[in-house]
């Protein structure tokens, strides 16, 4: 039996061509820039370094909270 992962398929790669970040269209990813690549069904979403760092930091906080295995109290 395979163990499931909470982390969807992600990778860090370099952009093959220039394009906008999918989190913020004002952020431009230039050819050769490092970017975060996140699987979105059949395609990929690409994020600039600044947005990627925010996404990763936020998700680390969420995973750390989950690690306590304590139910959240609904507000």
PDB file of N, CA and C in Angstrom:
ATOM      1  N   UNK A   1       0.841  -1.169   0.000  1.00  0.00           N
ATOM      2  CA  UNK A   1       0.000   0.000   0.000  1.00  0.00           C
ATOM      3  C   UNK A   1       0.897   1.246   0.000  1.00  0.00           C
ATOM      4  N   UNK A   2       0.610   2.164  -0.900  1.00  0.00           N
ATOM      5  CA  UNK A   2       1.381   3.403  -0.995  1.00  0.00           C
ATOM      6  C   UNK A   2       0.919   4.399   0.069  1.00  0.00           C
ATOM      7  N   UNK A   3       1.865   5.146   0.585  1.00  0.00           N
ATOM      8  CA  UNK A   3       1.543   6.184   1.556  1.00  0.00           C
ATOM      9  C   UNK A   3       1.304   7.479   0.799  1.00  0.00           C
ATOM     10  N   UNK A   4       0.180   8.126   1.061  1.00  0.00           N
ATOM     11  CA  UNK A   4      -0.192   9.368   0.385  1.00  0.00           C
ATOM     12  C   UNK A   4       0.687  10.512   0.855  1.00  0.00           C
ATOM     13  N   UNK A   5       0.791  11.532   0.037  1.00  0.00           N
ATOM     14  CA  UNK A   5       1.535  12.738   0.384  1.00  0.00           C
ATOM     15  C   UNK A   5       0.586  13.929   0.408  1.00  0.00           C
ATOM     16  N   UNK A   6       0.806  14.840   1.347  1.00  0.00           N
ATOM     17  CA  UNK A   6       0.031  16.074   1.391  1.00  0.00           C
ATOM     18  C   UNK A   6       0.589  17.106   0.419  1.00  0.00           C
ATOM     19  N   UNK A   7       1.798  16.883  -0.037  1.00  0.00           N
ATOM     20  CA  UNK A   7       2.455  17.810  -0.949  1.00  0.00           C
ATOM     21  C   UNK A   7       2.188  17.342  -2.381  1.00  0.00           C
ATOM     22  N   UNK A   8       1.538  18.212  -3.153  1.00  0.00           N
ATOM     23  CA  UNK A   8       1.275  17.868  -4.548  1.00  0.00           C
ATOM     24  C   UNK A   8       2.581  17.900  -5.316  1.00  0.00           C
ATOM     25  N   UNK A   9       2.548  17.459  -6.537  1.00  0.00           N
ATOM     26  CA  UNK A   9       3.763  17.406  -7.325  1.00  0.00           C
ATOM     27  C   UNK A   9       4.296  18.818  -7.575  1.00  0.00           C
ATOM     28  N   UNK A  10       5.502  19.075  -7.104  1.00  0.00           N
ATOM     29  CA  UNK A  10       6.146  20.380  -7.264  1.00  0.00           C
ATOM     30  C   UNK A  10       7.586  20.181  -7.702  1.00  0.00           C
ATOM     31  N   UNK A  11       8.150  21.221  -8.286  1.00  0.00           N
ATOM     32  CA  UNK A  11       9.549  21.185  -8.698  1.00  0.00           C
ATOM     33  C   UNK A  11      10.070  22.606  -8.764  1.00  0.00           C
ATOM     34  N   UNK A  12      11.379  22.718  -8.758  1.00  0.00           N
ATOM     35  CA  UNK A  12      12.036  23.993  -9.004  1.00  0.00           C
ATOM     36  C   UNK A  12      12.810  23.811 -10.294  1.00  0.00           C
ATOM     37  N   UNK A  13      12.604  24.722 -11.242  1.00  0.00           N
ATOM     38  CA  UNK A  13      13.313  24.642 -12.507  1.00  0.00           C
ATOM     39  C   UNK A  13      13.662  26.037 -12.999  1.00  0.00           C
ATOM     40  N   UNK A  14      14.178  26.112 -14.207  1.00  0.00           N
ATOM     41  CA  UNK A  14      14.475  27.415 -14.804  1.00  0.00           C
ATOM     42  C   UNK A  14      13.519  27.639 -15.968  1.00  0.00           C
ATOM     43  N   UNK A  15      13.116  28.873 -16.120  1.00  0.00           N
ATOM     44  CA  UNK A  15      12.156  29.219 -17.176  1.00  0.00           C
ATOM     45  C   UNK A  15      12.811  29.091 -18.549  1.00  0.00           C
ATOM     46  N   UNK A  16      12.102  28.477 -19.467  1.00  0.00           N
ATOM     47  CA  UNK A  16      12.581  28.335 -20.832  1.00  0.00           C
ATOM     48  C   UNK A  16      12.286  29.562 -21.671  1.00  0.00           C
ATOM     49  N   UNK A  17      11.311  30.342 -21.227  1.00  0.00           N
ATOM     50  CA  UNK A  17      10.969  31.596 -21.909  1.00  0.00           C
ATOM     51  C   UNK A  17      10.382  32.553 -20.877  1.00  0.00           C
ATOM     52  N   UNK A  18      10.326  33.829 -21.204  1.00  0.00           N
ATOM     53  CA  UNK A  18       9.803  34.832 -20.286  1.00  0.00           C
ATOM     54  C   UNK A  18       8.280  34.732 -20.208  1.00  0.00           C
ATOM     55  N   UNK A  19       7.751  34.937 -19.006  1.00  0.00           N
ATOM     56  CA  UNK A  19       6.296  34.940 -18.798  1.00  0.00           C
ATOM     57  C   UNK A  19       5.992  35.555 -17.447  1.00  0.00           C
ATOM     58  N   UNK A  20       4.729  35.841 -17.185  1.00  0.00           N
ATOM     59  CA  UNK A  20       4.313  36.422 -15.911  1.00  0.00           C
ATOM     60  C   UNK A  20       4.155  35.337 -14.854  1.00  0.00           C
ATOM     61  N   UNK A  21       4.375  35.714 -13.611  1.00  0.00           N
ATOM     62  CA  UNK A  21       4.117  34.847 -12.464  1.00  0.00           C
ATOM     63  C   UNK A  21       2.611  34.652 -12.357  1.00  0.00           C
ATOM     64  N   UNK A  22       2.177  33.455 -11.995  1.00  0.00           N
ATOM     65  CA  UNK A  22       0.747  33.186 -11.922  1.00  0.00           C
ATOM     66  C   UNK A  22       0.114  33.702 -10.634  1.00  0.00           C
ATOM     67  N   UNK A  23       0.924  34.080  -9.657  1.00  0.00           N
ATOM     68  CA  UNK A  23       0.370  34.647  -8.430  1.00  0.00           C
ATOM     69  C   UNK A  23       0.236  36.159  -8.533  1.00  0.00           C
ATOM     70  N   UNK A  24       1.090  36.782  -9.352  1.00  0.00           N
ATOM     71  CA  UNK A  24       1.091  38.235  -9.461  1.00  0.00           C
ATOM     72  C   UNK A  24       1.579  38.605 -10.860  1.00  0.00           C
ATOM     73  N   UNK A  25       0.677  39.103 -11.692  1.00  0.00           N
ATOM     74  CA  UNK A  25       1.012  39.417 -13.084  1.00  0.00           C
ATOM     75  C   UNK A  25       2.036  40.547 -13.192  1.00  0.00           C
ATOM     76  N   UNK A  26       2.257  41.301 -12.104  1.00  0.00           N
ATOM     77  CA  UNK A  26       3.276  42.351 -12.129  1.00  0.00           C
ATOM     78  C   UNK A  26       4.681  41.771 -11.996  1.00  0.00           C
ATOM     79  N   UNK A  27       4.773  40.513 -11.565  1.00  0.00           N
ATOM     80  CA  UNK A  27       6.067  39.847 -11.426  1.00  0.00           C
ATOM     81  C   UNK A  27       6.381  39.119 -12.726  1.00  0.00           C
ATOM     82  N   UNK A  28       7.480  39.478 -13.338  1.00  0.00           N
ATOM     83  CA  UNK A  28       7.879  38.883 -14.608  1.00  0.00           C
ATOM     84  C   UNK A  28       8.973  37.854 -14.368  1.00  0.00           C
ATOM     85  N   UNK A  29       8.805  36.681 -14.920  1.00  0.00           N
ATOM     86  CA  UNK A  29       9.820  35.637 -14.863  1.00  0.00           C
ATOM     87  C   UNK A  29      10.534  35.670 -16.210  1.00  0.00           C
ATOM     88  N   UNK A  30      11.829  35.952 -16.184  1.00  0.00           N
ATOM     89  CA  UNK A  30      12.605  36.031 -17.419  1.00  0.00           C
ATOM     90  C   UNK A  30      13.200  34.665 -17.747  1.00  0.00           C
ATOM     91  N   UNK A  31      13.543  34.476 -19.006  1.00  0.00           N
ATOM     92  CA  UNK A  31      14.171  33.230 -19.445  1.00  0.00           C
ATOM     93  C   UNK A  31      15.409  32.969 -18.597  1.00  0.00           C
ATOM     94  N   UNK A  32      15.516  31.763 -18.045  1.00  0.00           N
ATOM     95  CA  UNK A  32      16.651  31.383 -17.217  1.00  0.00           C
ATOM     96  C   UNK A  32      16.459  31.628 -15.728  1.00  0.00           C
ATOM     97  N   UNK A  33      15.409  32.356 -15.347  1.00  0.00           N
ATOM     98  CA  UNK A  33      15.133  32.588 -13.922  1.00  0.00           C
ATOM     99  C   UNK A  33      14.677  31.301 -13.243  1.00  0.00           C
ATOM    100  N   UNK A  34      15.024  31.166 -11.978  1.00  0.00           N
ATOM    101  CA  UNK A  34      14.541  30.035 -11.176  1.00  0.00           C
ATOM    102  C   UNK A  34      13.085  30.304 -10.840  1.00  0.00           C
ATOM    103  N   UNK A  35      12.254  29.258 -10.913  1.00  0.00           N
ATOM    104  CA  UNK A  35      10.825  29.406 -10.617  1.00  0.00           C
ATOM    105  C   UNK A  35      10.311  28.151  -9.921  1.00  0.00           C
ATOM    106  N   UNK A  36       9.193  28.302  -9.219  1.00  0.00           N
ATOM    107  CA  UNK A  36       8.511  27.171  -8.589  1.00  0.00           C
ATOM    108  C   UNK A  36       7.454  26.676  -9.559  1.00  0.00           C
ATOM    109  N   UNK A  37       7.424  25.381  -9.745  1.00  0.00           N
ATOM    110  CA  UNK A  37       6.518  24.743 -10.703  1.00  0.00           C
ATOM    111  C   UNK A  37       5.596  23.816  -9.914  1.00  0.00           C
ATOM    112  N   UNK A  38       4.279  24.078  -9.960  1.00  0.00           N
ATOM    113  CA  UNK A  38       3.308  23.313  -9.179  1.00  0.00           C
ATOM    114  C   UNK A  38       2.293  22.683 -10.126  1.00  0.00           C
ATOM    115  N   UNK A  39       2.088  21.394  -9.970  1.00  0.00           N
ATOM    116  CA  UNK A  39       1.150  20.664 -10.830  1.00  0.00           C
ATOM    117  C   UNK A  39      -0.274  21.152 -10.578  1.00  0.00           C
ATOM    118  N   UNK A  40      -0.993  21.443 -11.660  1.00  0.00           N
ATOM    119  CA  UNK A  40      -2.385  21.880 -11.603  1.00  0.00           C
ATOM    120  C   UNK A  40      -3.165  21.034 -12.606  1.00  0.00           C
ATOM    121  N   UNK A  41      -3.704  19.945 -12.113  1.00  0.00           N
ATOM    122  CA  UNK A  41      -4.371  18.946 -12.955  1.00  0.00           C
ATOM    123  C   UNK A  41      -3.440  18.481 -14.070  1.00  0.00           C
ATOM    124  N   UNK A  42      -3.731  18.820 -15.310  1.00  0.00           N
ATOM    125  CA  UNK A  42      -2.905  18.357 -16.430  1.00  0.00           C
ATOM    126  C   UNK A  42      -1.801  19.324 -16.824  1.00  0.00           C
ATOM    127  N   UNK A  43      -1.782  20.499 -16.222  1.00  0.00           N
ATOM    128  CA  UNK A  43      -0.763  21.486 -16.594  1.00  0.00           C
ATOM    129  C   UNK A  43       0.031  21.902 -15.356  1.00  0.00           C
ATOM    130  N   UNK A  44       0.835  22.935 -15.489  1.00  0.00           N
ATOM    131  CA  UNK A  44       1.674  23.423 -14.409  1.00  0.00           C
ATOM    132  C   UNK A  44       1.427  24.900 -14.177  1.00  0.00           C
ATOM    133  N   UNK A  45       1.475  25.335 -12.917  1.00  0.00           N
ATOM    134  CA  UNK A  45       1.467  26.747 -12.564  1.00  0.00           C
ATOM    135  C   UNK A  45       2.907  27.111 -12.223  1.00  0.00           C
ATOM    136  N   UNK A  46       3.320  28.309 -12.646  1.00  0.00           N
ATOM    137  CA  UNK A  46       4.700  28.752 -12.427  1.00  0.00           C
ATOM    138  C   UNK A  46       4.713  30.037 -11.612  1.00  0.00           C
ATOM    139  N   UNK A  47       5.585  30.080 -10.608  1.00  0.00           N
ATOM    140  CA  UNK A  47       5.665  31.210  -9.695  1.00  0.00           C
ATOM    141  C   UNK A  47       7.096  31.743  -9.626  1.00  0.00           C
ATOM    142  N   UNK A  48       7.229  33.074  -9.547  1.00  0.00           N
ATOM    143  CA  UNK A  48       8.537  33.707  -9.420  1.00  0.00           C
ATOM    144  C   UNK A  48       9.126  33.364  -8.048  1.00  0.00           C
ATOM    145  N   UNK A  49      10.405  33.675  -7.887  1.00  0.00           N
ATOM    146  CA  UNK A  49      11.094  33.365  -6.631  1.00  0.00           C
ATOM    147  C   UNK A  49      10.417  34.029  -5.429  1.00  0.00           C
ATOM    148  N   UNK A  50      10.042  35.302  -5.540  1.00  0.00           N
ATOM    149  CA  UNK A  50       9.434  36.021  -4.413  1.00  0.00           C
ATOM    150  C   UNK A  50       8.118  35.376  -3.989  1.00  0.00           C
ATOM    151  N   UNK A  51       7.257  35.083  -4.944  1.00  0.00           N
ATOM    152  CA  UNK A  51       5.971  34.449  -4.618  1.00  0.00           C
ATOM    153  C   UNK A  51       6.186  33.020  -4.117  1.00  0.00           C
ATOM    154  N   UNK A  52       7.147  32.315  -4.704  1.00  0.00           N
ATOM    155  CA  UNK A  52       7.445  30.947  -4.278  1.00  0.00           C
ATOM    156  C   UNK A  52       7.881  30.915  -2.820  1.00  0.00           C
ATOM    157  N   UNK A  53       8.743  31.868  -2.429  1.00  0.00           N
ATOM    158  CA  UNK A  53       9.197  31.911  -1.038  1.00  0.00           C
ATOM    159  C   UNK A  53       8.024  32.135  -0.091  1.00  0.00           C
ATOM    160  N   UNK A  54       7.073  33.001  -0.468  1.00  0.00           N
ATOM    161  CA  UNK A  54       5.877  33.232   0.363  1.00  0.00           C
ATOM    162  C   UNK A  54       5.012  31.978   0.436  1.00  0.00           C
ATOM    163  N   UNK A  55       4.801  31.319  -0.687  1.00  0.00           N
ATOM    164  CA  UNK A  55       3.980  30.100  -0.729  1.00  0.00           C
ATOM    165  C   UNK A  55       4.601  29.015   0.145  1.00  0.00           C
ATOM    166  N   UNK A  56       5.901  28.811   0.006  1.00  0.00           N
ATOM    167  CA  UNK A  56       6.586  27.763   0.765  1.00  0.00           C
ATOM    168  C   UNK A  56       6.545  28.065   2.261  1.00  0.00           C
ATOM    169  N   UNK A  57       6.802  29.320   2.644  1.00  0.00           N
ATOM    170  CA  UNK A  57       6.773  29.689   4.068  1.00  0.00           C
ATOM    171  C   UNK A  57       5.384  29.467   4.665  1.00  0.00           C
ATOM    172  N   UNK A  58       4.345  29.858   3.926  1.00  0.00           N
ATOM    173  CA  UNK A  58       2.970  29.679   4.414  1.00  0.00           C
ATOM    174  C   UNK A  58       2.645  28.195   4.569  1.00  0.00           C
ATOM    175  N   UNK A  59       3.073  27.379   3.606  1.00  0.00           N
ATOM    176  CA  UNK A  59       2.770  25.954   3.672  1.00  0.00           C
ATOM    177  C   UNK A  59       3.563  25.245   4.764  1.00  0.00           C
ATOM    178  N   UNK A  60       4.775  25.708   5.035  1.00  0.00           N
ATOM    179  CA  UNK A  60       5.544  25.139   6.153  1.00  0.00           C
ATOM    180  C   UNK A  60       4.813  25.400   7.463  1.00  0.00           C
ATOM    181  N   UNK A  61       4.259  26.600   7.629  1.00  0.00           N
ATOM    182  CA  UNK A  61       3.475  26.914   8.833  1.00  0.00           C
ATOM    183  C   UNK A  61       2.271  25.986   8.951  1.00  0.00           C
ATOM    184  N   UNK A  62       1.561  25.768   7.846  1.00  0.00           N
ATOM    185  CA  UNK A  62       0.386  24.884   7.867  1.00  0.00           C
ATOM    186  C   UNK A  62       0.782  23.458   8.218  1.00  0.00           C
ATOM    187  N   UNK A  63       1.870  22.962   7.624  1.00  0.00           N
ATOM    188  CA  UNK A  63       2.311  21.592   7.901  1.00  0.00           C
ATOM    189  C   UNK A  63       2.794  21.450   9.347  1.00  0.00           C
ATOM    190  N   UNK A  64       3.440  22.484   9.865  1.00  0.00           N
ATOM    191  CA  UNK A  64       3.888  22.449  11.262  1.00  0.00           C
ATOM    192  C   UNK A  64       2.693  22.359  12.203  1.00  0.00           C
ATOM    193  N   UNK A  65       1.637  23.114  11.910  1.00  0.00           N
ATOM    194  CA  UNK A  65       0.421  23.057  12.724  1.00  0.00           C
ATOM    195  C   UNK A  65      -0.226  21.678  12.623  1.00  0.00           C
ATOM    196  N   UNK A  66      -0.235  21.102  11.435  1.00  0.00           N
ATOM    197  CA  UNK A  66      -0.812  19.763  11.260  1.00  0.00           C
ATOM    198  C   UNK A  66      -0.023  18.707  12.027  1.00  0.00           C
ATOM    199  N   UNK A  67       1.270  18.920  12.138  1.00  0.00           N
ATOM    200  CA  UNK A  67       2.130  17.945  12.804  1.00  0.00           C
ATOM    201  C   UNK A  67       1.731  17.741  14.265  1.00  0.00           C
ATOM    202  N   UNK A  68       1.093  18.731  14.873  1.00  0.00           N
ATOM    203  CA  UNK A  68       0.631  18.612  16.257  1.00  0.00           C
ATOM    204  C   UNK A  68      -0.550  17.663  16.390  1.00  0.00           C
ATOM    205  N   UNK A  69      -1.220  17.359  15.294  1.00  0.00           N
ATOM    206  CA  UNK A  69      -2.378  16.459  15.268  1.00  0.00           C
ATOM    207  C   UNK A  69      -3.442  16.860  16.280  1.00  0.00           C
ATOM    208  N   UNK A  70      -3.675  18.172  16.373  1.00  0.00           N
ATOM    209  CA  UNK A  70      -4.740  18.675  17.246  1.00  0.00           C
ATOM    210  C   UNK A  70      -5.841  19.283  16.373  1.00  0.00           C
ATOM    211  N   UNK A  71      -7.095  18.916  16.632  1.00  0.00           N
ATOM    212  CA  UNK A  71      -8.187  19.463  15.835  1.00  0.00           C
ATOM    213  C   UNK A  71      -8.281  20.972  16.000  1.00  0.00           C
ATOM    214  N   UNK A  72      -8.623  21.659  14.928  1.00  0.00           N
ATOM    215  CA  UNK A  72      -8.849  23.101  14.984  1.00  0.00           C
ATOM    216  C   UNK A  72     -10.227  23.384  15.523  1.00  0.00           C
ATOM    217  N   UNK A  73     -10.329  24.415  16.330  1.00  0.00           N
ATOM    218  CA  UNK A  73     -11.634  24.851  16.840  1.00  0.00           C
ATOM    219  C   UNK A  73     -12.207  25.826  15.823  1.00  0.00           C
ATOM    220  N   UNK A  74     -13.422  25.543  15.336  1.00  0.00           N
ATOM    221  CA  UNK A  74     -14.059  26.425  14.367  1.00  0.00           C
ATOM    222  C   UNK A  74     -14.504  27.719  15.040  1.00  0.00           C
ATOM    223  N   UNK A  75     -14.227  28.841  14.384  1.00  0.00           N
ATOM    224  CA  UNK A  75     -14.593  30.161  14.955  1.00  0.00           C
ATOM    225  C   UNK A  75     -16.069  30.381  14.912  1.00  0.00           C
TER     226      UNK A  75
END
